[in-house]
All heavy atoms as atom14 arrays in JSON, in Angstrom:
{
  "sequence": "AALILFAEVVICKIEYRMLDKTQEMNVFMEYNGNEC",
  "atom14_mask": [
    [1, 1, 1, 1, 1, 0, 0, 0, 0, 0, 0, 0, 0, 0],
    [1, 1, 1, 1, 1, 0, 0, 0, 0, 0, 0, 0, 0, 0],
    [1, 1, 1, 1, 1, 1, 1, 1, 0, 0, 0, 0, 0, 0],
    [1, 1, 1, 1, 1, 1, 1, 1, 0, 0, 0, 0, 0, 0],
    [1, 1, 1, 1, 1, 1, 1, 1, 0, 0, 0, 0, 0, 0],
    [1, 1, 1, 1, 1, 1, 1, 1, 1, 1, 1, 0, 0, 0],
    [1, 1, 1, 1, 1, 0, 0, 0, 0, 0, 0, 0, 0, 0],
    [1, 1, 1, 1, 1, 1, 1, 1, 1, 0, 0, 0, 0, 0],
    [1, 1, 1, 1, 1, 1, 1, 0, 0, 0, 0, 0, 0, 0],
    [1, 1, 1, 1, 1, 1, 1, 0, 0, 0, 0, 0, 0, 0],
    [1, 1, 1, 1, 1, 1, 1, 1, 0, 0, 0, 0, 0, 0],
    [1, 1, 1, 1, 1, 1, 0, 0, 0, 0, 0, 0, 0, 0],
    [1, 1, 1, 1, 1, 1, 1, 1, 1, 0, 0, 0, 0, 0],
    [1, 1, 1, 1, 1, 1, 1, 1, 0, 0, 0, 0, 0, 0],
    [1, 1, 1, 1, 1, 1, 1, 1, 1, 0, 0, 0, 0, 0],
    [1, 1, 1, 1, 1, 1, 1, 1, 1, 1, 1, 1, 0, 0],
    [1, 1, 1, 1, 1, 1, 1, 1, 1, 1, 1, 0, 0, 0],
    [1, 1, 1, 1, 1, 1, 1, 1, 0, 0, 0, 0, 0, 0],
    [1, 1, 1, 1, 1, 1, 1, 1, 0, 0, 0, 0, 0, 0],
    [1, 1, 1, 1, 1, 1, 1, 1, 0, 0, 0, 0, 0, 0],
    [1, 1, 1, 1, 1, 1, 1, 1, 1, 0, 0, 0, 0, 0],
    [1, 1, 1, 1, 1, 1, 1, 0, 0, 0, 0, 0, 0, 0],
    [1, 1, 1, 1, 1, 1, 1, 1, 1, 0, 0, 0, 0, 0],
    [1, 1, 1, 1, 1, 1, 1, 1, 1, 0, 0, 0, 0, 0],
    [1, 1, 1, 1, 1, 1, 1, 1, 0, 0, 0, 0, 0, 0],
    [1, 1, 1, 1, 1, 1, 1, 1, 0, 0, 0, 0, 0, 0],
    [1, 1, 1, 1, 1, 1, 1, 0, 0, 0, 0, 0, 0, 0],
    [1, 1, 1, 1, 1, 1, 1, 1, 1, 1, 1, 0, 0, 0],
    [1, 1, 1, 1, 1, 1, 1, 1, 0, 0, 0, 0, 0, 0],
    [1, 1, 1, 1, 1, 1, 1, 1, 1, 0, 0, 0, 0, 0],
    [1, 1, 1, 1, 1, 1, 1, 1, 1, 1, 1, 1, 0, 0],
    [1, 1, 1, 1, 1, 1, 1, 1, 0, 0, 0, 0, 0, 0],
    [1, 1, 1, 1, 0, 0, 0, 0, 0, 0, 0, 0, 0, 0],
    [1, 1, 1, 1, 1, 1, 1, 1, 0, 0, 0, 0, 0, 0],
    [1, 1, 1, 1, 1, 1, 1, 1, 1, 0, 0, 0, 0, 0],
    [1, 1, 1, 1, 1, 1, 0, 0, 0, 0, 0, 0, 0, 0]
  ],
  "atom14_positions": [
    [[-27.34, -8.15, -1.24], [-27.75, -7.89, 0.15], [-27.65, -9.16, 0.98], [-27.19, -9.13, 2.13], [-29.18, -7.35, 0.18], [0.0, 0.0, 0.0], [0.0, 0.0, 0.0], [0.0, 0.0, 0.0], [0.0, 0.0, 0.0], [0.0, 0.0, 0.0], [0.0, 0.0, 0.0], [0.0, 0.0, 0.0], [0.0, 0.0, 0.0], [0.0, 0.0, 0.0]],
    [[-28.07, -10.29, 0.4], [-27.98, -11.56, 1.11], [-26.53, -11.94, 1.37], [-26.18, -12.44, 2.45], [-28.68, -12.66, 0.31], [0.0, 0.0, 0.0], [0.0, 0.0, 0.0], [0.0, 0.0, 0.0], [0.0, 0.0, 0.0], [0.0, 0.0, 0.0], [0.0, 0.0, 0.0], [0.0, 0.0, 0.0], [0.0, 0.0, 0.0], [0.0, 0.0, 0.0]],
    [[-25.66, -11.7, 0.38], [-24.24, -12.03, 0.55], [-23.56, -11.13, 1.58], [-22.68, -11.57, 2.31], [-23.52, -11.94, -0.8], [-23.91, -13.02, -1.82], [-23.21, -12.76, -3.16], [-23.54, -14.4, -1.3], [0.0, 0.0, 0.0], [0.0, 0.0, 0.0], [0.0, 0.0, 0.0], [0.0, 0.0, 0.0], [0.0, 0.0, 0.0], [0.0, 0.0, 0.0]],
    [[-23.97, -9.85, 1.62], [-23.41, -8.95, 2.64], [-23.75, -9.45, 4.04], [-22.89, -9.53, 4.92], [-23.94, -7.52, 2.44], [-23.4, -6.92, 1.15], [-23.51, -6.64, 3.62], [-24.02, -5.57, 0.81], [0.0, 0.0, 0.0], [0.0, 0.0, 0.0], [0.0, 0.0, 0.0], [0.0, 0.0, 0.0], [0.0, 0.0, 0.0], [0.0, 0.0, 0.0]],
    [[-25.02, -9.82, 4.24], [-25.44, -10.31, 5.55], [-24.74, -11.64, 5.87], [-24.38, -11.88, 7.03], [-26.96, -10.49, 5.57], [-27.77, -9.2, 5.51], [-29.26, -9.5, 5.37], [-27.53, -8.36, 6.76], [0.0, 0.0, 0.0], [0.0, 0.0, 0.0], [0.0, 0.0, 0.0], [0.0, 0.0, 0.0], [0.0, 0.0, 0.0], [0.0, 0.0, 0.0]],
    [[-24.56, -12.48, 4.87], [-23.86, -13.75, 5.09], [-22.42, -13.49, 5.53], [-21.91, -14.14, 6.45], [-23.87, -14.58, 3.8], [-23.1, -15.87, 3.91], [-23.64, -16.95, 4.58], [-21.84, -15.99, 3.34], [-22.93, -18.15, 4.69], [-21.13, -17.17, 3.44], [-21.68, -18.26, 4.12], [0.0, 0.0, 0.0], [0.0, 0.0, 0.0], [0.0, 0.0, 0.0]],
    [[-21.76, -12.51, 4.89], [-20.37, -12.21, 5.24], [-20.26, -11.62, 6.65], [-19.34, -11.93, 7.4], [-19.77, -11.24, 4.21], [0.0, 0.0, 0.0], [0.0, 0.0, 0.0], [0.0, 0.0, 0.0], [0.0, 0.0, 0.0], [0.0, 0.0, 0.0], [0.0, 0.0, 0.0], [0.0, 0.0, 0.0], [0.0, 0.0, 0.0], [0.0, 0.0, 0.0]],
    [[-21.22, -10.75, 7.01], [-21.13, -10.05, 8.29], [-21.65, -10.87, 9.46], [-21.25, -10.63, 10.6], [-21.88, -8.72, 8.2], [-21.24, -7.72, 7.24], [-21.95, -6.38, 7.26], [-23.06, -6.3, 7.8], [-21.38, -5.43, 6.71], [0.0, 0.0, 0.0], [0.0, 0.0, 0.0], [0.0, 0.0, 0.0], [0.0, 0.0, 0.0], [0.0, 0.0, 0.0]],
    [[-22.54, -11.84, 9.19], [-23.12, -12.62, 10.29], [-22.45, -13.98, 10.42], [-22.12, -14.41, 11.53], [-24.64, -12.79, 10.07], [-25.23, -13.69, 11.15], [-25.33, -11.43, 10.08], [0.0, 0.0, 0.0], [0.0, 0.0, 0.0], [0.0, 0.0, 0.0], [0.0, 0.0, 0.0], [0.0, 0.0, 0.0], [0.0, 0.0, 0.0], [0.0, 0.0, 0.0]],
    [[-22.25, -14.67, 9.29], [-21.74, -16.05, 9.34], [-20.22, -16.1, 9.23], [-19.55, -16.7, 10.08], [-22.38, -16.9, 8.21], [-21.83, -18.32, 8.24], [-23.89, -16.91, 8.35], [0.0, 0.0, 0.0], [0.0, 0.0, 0.0], [0.0, 0.0, 0.0], [0.0, 0.0, 0.0], [0.0, 0.0, 0.0], [0.0, 0.0, 0.0], [0.0, 0.0, 0.0]],
    [[-19.69, -15.45, 8.2], [-18.24, -15.54, 7.98], [-17.46, -14.91, 9.12], [-16.37, -15.36, 9.47], [-17.87, -14.9, 6.63], [-18.5, -15.69, 5.48], [-16.36, -14.83, 6.45], [-18.17, -15.16, 4.12], [0.0, 0.0, 0.0], [0.0, 0.0, 0.0], [0.0, 0.0, 0.0], [0.0, 0.0, 0.0], [0.0, 0.0, 0.0], [0.0, 0.0, 0.0]],
    [[-18.01, -13.84, 9.74], [-17.29, -13.19, 10.83], [-17.11, -14.14, 12.01], [-16.1, -14.09, 12.72], [-17.99, -11.91, 11.26], [-19.52, -12.18, 12.2], [0.0, 0.0, 0.0], [0.0, 0.0, 0.0], [0.0, 0.0, 0.0], [0.0, 0.0, 0.0], [0.0, 0.0, 0.0], [0.0, 0.0, 0.0], [0.0, 0.0, 0.0], [0.0, 0.0, 0.0]],
    [[-18.09, -15.03, 12.26], [-17.95, -16.01, 13.34], [-16.83, -16.99, 13.05], [-16.08, -17.37, 13.95], [-19.28, -16.75, 13.53], [-20.41, -15.86, 14.02], [-21.68, -16.65, 14.23], [-22.81, -15.76, 14.74], [-24.08, -16.51, 14.93], [0.0, 0.0, 0.0], [0.0, 0.0, 0.0], [0.0, 0.0, 0.0], [0.0, 0.0, 0.0], [0.0, 0.0, 0.0]],
    [[-16.73, -17.41, 11.78], [-15.63, -18.29, 11.4], [-14.29, -17.58, 11.57], [-13.31, -18.16, 12.05], [-15.81, -18.75, 9.93], [-17.13, -19.51, 9.78], [-14.64, -19.62, 9.49], [-17.46, -19.89, 8.35], [0.0, 0.0, 0.0], [0.0, 0.0, 0.0], [0.0, 0.0, 0.0], [0.0, 0.0, 0.0], [0.0, 0.0, 0.0], [0.0, 0.0, 0.0]],
    [[-14.26, -16.3, 11.21], [-13.03, -15.51, 11.35], [-12.61, -15.4, 12.81], [-11.44, -15.56, 13.15], [-13.25, -14.12, 10.75], [-12.02, -13.23, 10.84], [-12.3, -11.84, 10.3], [-13.47, -11.55, 9.98], [-11.36, -11.04, 10.22], [0.0, 0.0, 0.0], [0.0, 0.0, 0.0], [0.0, 0.0, 0.0], [0.0, 0.0, 0.0], [0.0, 0.0, 0.0]],
    [[-13.57, -15.13, 13.69], [-13.26, -15.0, 15.11], [-12.74, -16.3, 15.7], [-11.84, -16.31, 16.54], [-14.5, -14.54, 15.89], [-14.9, -13.12, 15.61], [-16.23, -12.71, 15.69], [-13.94, -12.17, 15.23], [-16.6, -11.41, 15.43], [-14.31, -10.87, 14.95], [-15.63, -10.49, 15.06], [-16.0, -9.2, 14.78], [0.0, 0.0, 0.0], [0.0, 0.0, 0.0]],
    [[-13.31, -17.42, 15.26], [-12.83, -18.72, 15.75], [-11.41, -18.99, 15.29], [-10.6, -19.54, 16.05], [-13.76, -19.83, 15.25], [-15.12, -19.84, 15.93], [-15.97, -21.0, 15.45], [-17.28, -21.0, 16.1], [-18.23, -21.9, 15.84], [-18.02, -22.85, 14.94], [-19.39, -21.83, 16.48], [0.0, 0.0, 0.0], [0.0, 0.0, 0.0], [0.0, 0.0, 0.0]],
    [[-11.1, -18.61, 14.06], [-9.74, -18.79, 13.57], [-8.76, -17.93, 14.35], [-7.65, -18.36, 14.68], [-9.67, -18.44, 12.07], [-10.43, -19.41, 11.19], [-10.51, -18.87, 9.47], [-8.77, -18.81, 9.06], [0.0, 0.0, 0.0], [0.0, 0.0, 0.0], [0.0, 0.0, 0.0], [0.0, 0.0, 0.0], [0.0, 0.0, 0.0], [0.0, 0.0, 0.0]],
    [[-9.16, -16.7, 14.67], [-8.27, -15.81, 15.41], [-8.09, -16.27, 16.85], [-7.05, -16.02, 17.46], [-8.84, -14.38, 15.38], [-8.81, -13.68, 14.04], [-9.47, -12.31, 14.13], [-7.38, -13.53, 13.53], [0.0, 0.0, 0.0], [0.0, 0.0, 0.0], [0.0, 0.0, 0.0], [0.0, 0.0, 0.0], [0.0, 0.0, 0.0], [0.0, 0.0, 0.0]],
    [[-9.11, -16.94, 17.41], [-9.0, -17.43, 18.78], [-7.96, -18.54, 18.89], [-7.31, -18.7, 19.92], [-10.36, -17.93, 19.29], [-11.29, -16.78, 19.61], [-10.78, -15.65, 19.8], [-12.51, -17.0, 19.66], [0.0, 0.0, 0.0], [0.0, 0.0, 0.0], [0.0, 0.0, 0.0], [0.0, 0.0, 0.0], [0.0, 0.0, 0.0], [0.0, 0.0, 0.0]],
    [[-7.86, -19.34, 17.83], [-6.93, -20.47, 17.87], [-5.48, -20.01, 17.75], [-4.61, -20.5, 18.42], [-7.27, -21.46, 16.74], [-8.6, -22.16, 16.94], [-8.87, -23.14, 15.82], [-10.2, -23.85, 16.03], [-10.51, -24.8, 14.94], [0.0, 0.0, 0.0], [0.0, 0.0, 0.0], [0.0, 0.0, 0.0], [0.0, 0.0, 0.0], [0.0, 0.0, 0.0]],
    [[-5.22, -19.11, 16.88], [-3.86, -18.62, 16.71], [-3.89, -17.18, 16.22], [-4.71, -16.82, 15.39], [-3.07, -19.5, 15.72], [-1.77, -18.94, 15.52], [-3.77, -19.6, 14.38], [0.0, 0.0, 0.0], [0.0, 0.0, 0.0], [0.0, 0.0, 0.0], [0.0, 0.0, 0.0], [0.0, 0.0, 0.0], [0.0, 0.0, 0.0], [0.0, 0.0, 0.0]],
    [[-2.99, -16.39, 16.75], [-2.96, -14.99, 16.36], [-1.56, -14.45, 16.58], [-0.95, -14.67, 17.62], [-3.96, -14.17, 17.18], [-4.0, -12.7, 16.79], [-5.09, -11.96, 17.54], [-5.83, -12.56, 18.29], [-5.17, -10.67, 17.34], [0.0, 0.0, 0.0], [0.0, 0.0, 0.0], [0.0, 0.0, 0.0], [0.0, 0.0, 0.0], [0.0, 0.0, 0.0]],
    [[-1.06, -13.74, 15.6], [0.24, -13.1, 15.71], [0.06, -11.64, 16.09], [-0.86, -10.99, 15.63], [1.02, -13.21, 14.39], [1.4, -14.65, 14.02], [2.19, -14.71, 12.74], [2.54, -13.64, 12.2], [2.45, -15.83, 12.25], [0.0, 0.0, 0.0], [0.0, 0.0, 0.0], [0.0, 0.0, 0.0], [0.0, 0.0, 0.0], [0.0, 0.0, 0.0]],
    [[0.95, -11.17, 16.93], [0.87, -9.79, 17.37], [2.26, -9.16, 17.36], [3.26, -9.83, 17.61], [0.26, -9.69, 18.77], [1.03, -10.44, 19.84], [0.21, -10.39, 21.48], [0.08, -8.65, 21.77], [0.0, 0.0, 0.0], [0.0, 0.0, 0.0], [0.0, 0.0, 0.0], [0.0, 0.0, 0.0], [0.0, 0.0, 0.0], [0.0, 0.0, 0.0]],
    [[2.3, -7.88, 17.04], [3.54, -7.11, 17.07], [3.53, -6.22, 18.3], [2.58, -5.45, 18.49], [3.68, -6.26, 15.8], [3.74, -7.11, 14.55], [4.46, -8.1, 14.49], [2.98, -6.73, 13.54], [0.0, 0.0, 0.0], [0.0, 0.0, 0.0], [0.0, 0.0, 0.0], [0.0, 0.0, 0.0], [0.0, 0.0, 0.0], [0.0, 0.0, 0.0]],
    [[4.55, -6.33, 19.12], [4.6, -5.6, 20.37], [5.88, -4.76, 20.43], [6.98, -5.28, 20.21], [4.55, -6.55, 21.59], [4.6, -5.76, 22.88], [3.31, -7.42, 21.54], [0.0, 0.0, 0.0], [0.0, 0.0, 0.0], [0.0, 0.0, 0.0], [0.0, 0.0, 0.0], [0.0, 0.0, 0.0], [0.0, 0.0, 0.0], [0.0, 0.0, 0.0]],
    [[5.7, -3.48, 20.72], [6.84, -2.59, 20.95], [7.02, -2.42, 22.45], [6.05, -2.17, 23.17], [6.63, -1.22, 20.3], [7.66, -0.2, 20.68], [8.9, -0.18, 20.07], [7.39, 0.73, 21.67], [9.86, 0.75, 20.44], [8.33, 1.67, 22.04], [9.57, 1.68, 21.42], [0.0, 0.0, 0.0], [0.0, 0.0, 0.0], [0.0, 0.0, 0.0]],
    [[8.26, -2.57, 22.91], [8.53, -2.47, 24.35], [9.78, -1.64, 24.59], [10.81, -1.87, 23.97], [8.7, -3.86, 24.95], [8.95, -3.85, 26.45], [9.05, -5.52, 27.13], [9.18, -5.16, 28.87], [0.0, 0.0, 0.0], [0.0, 0.0, 0.0], [0.0, 0.0, 0.0], [0.0, 0.0, 0.0], [0.0, 0.0, 0.0], [0.0, 0.0, 0.0]],
    [[9.64, -0.66, 25.46], [10.79, 0.11, 25.93], [11.07, -0.33, 27.36], [10.17, -0.3, 28.21], [10.48, 1.61, 25.87], [11.67, 2.48, 26.23], [11.35, 3.96, 26.14], [10.26, 4.29, 25.62], [12.17, 4.78, 26.61], [0.0, 0.0, 0.0], [0.0, 0.0, 0.0], [0.0, 0.0, 0.0], [0.0, 0.0, 0.0], [0.0, 0.0, 0.0]],
    [[12.3, -0.74, 27.61], [12.62, -1.31, 28.91], [13.99, -0.82, 29.39], [14.77, -0.23, 28.63], [12.6, -2.84, 28.85], [13.65, -3.42, 27.94], [14.9, -3.84, 28.43], [13.42, -3.56, 26.58], [15.87, -4.37, 27.59], [14.37, -4.08, 25.74], [15.6, -4.49, 26.23], [16.56, -4.98, 25.41], [0.0, 0.0, 0.0], [0.0, 0.0, 0.0]],
    [[14.27, -1.11, 30.65], [15.53, -0.68, 31.27], [16.21, -1.89, 31.89], [15.67, -2.51, 32.81], [15.24, 0.38, 32.35], [16.52, 1.05, 32.83], [17.62, 0.6, 32.55], [16.37, 2.15, 33.55], [0.0, 0.0, 0.0], [0.0, 0.0, 0.0], [0.0, 0.0, 0.0], [0.0, 0.0, 0.0], [0.0, 0.0, 0.0], [0.0, 0.0, 0.0]],
    [[17.37, -2.25, 31.37], [18.14, -3.35, 31.93], [17.91, -4.66, 31.21], [16.81, -4.96, 30.75], [0.0, 0.0, 0.0], [0.0, 0.0, 0.0], [0.0, 0.0, 0.0], [0.0, 0.0, 0.0], [0.0, 0.0, 0.0], [0.0, 0.0, 0.0], [0.0, 0.0, 0.0], [0.0, 0.0, 0.0], [0.0, 0.0, 0.0], [0.0, 0.0, 0.0]],
    [[18.98, -5.47, 31.17], [18.89, -6.78, 30.51], [18.04, -7.77, 31.29], [17.54, -8.74, 30.73], [20.3, -7.35, 30.3], [21.11, -6.53, 29.3], [20.54, -5.94, 28.38], [22.41, -6.46, 29.5], [0.0, 0.0, 0.0], [0.0, 0.0, 0.0], [0.0, 0.0, 0.0], [0.0, 0.0, 0.0], [0.0, 0.0, 0.0], [0.0, 0.0, 0.0]],
    [[17.91, -7.54, 32.59], [17.11, -8.44, 33.41], [15.65, -8.44, 32.97], [14.98, -9.48, 32.97], [17.22, -8.05, 34.89], [16.46, -8.98, 35.82], [16.56, -8.55, 37.27], [17.29, -7.59, 37.55], [15.89, -9.19, 38.11], [0.0, 0.0, 0.0], [0.0, 0.0, 0.0], [0.0, 0.0, 0.0], [0.0, 0.0, 0.0], [0.0, 0.0, 0.0]],
    [[15.17, -7.26, 32.59], [13.78, -7.16, 32.12], [13.58, -7.98, 30.86], [12.58, -8.7, 30.74], [13.42, -5.7, 31.87], [11.73, -5.45, 31.28], [0.0, 0.0, 0.0], [0.0, 0.0, 0.0], [0.0, 0.0, 0.0], [0.0, 0.0, 0.0], [0.0, 0.0, 0.0], [0.0, 0.0, 0.0], [0.0, 0.0, 0.0], [0.0, 0.0, 0.0]]
  ]
}
């Protein structure tokens, strides 16, 4: 129970900070024309 709370309260903050610094994303785009 203590480890669950540690993971959900403490480790999640570390995770969010890591994601704020760098994050990869996959984006699908449908477009018209090479200018876009």
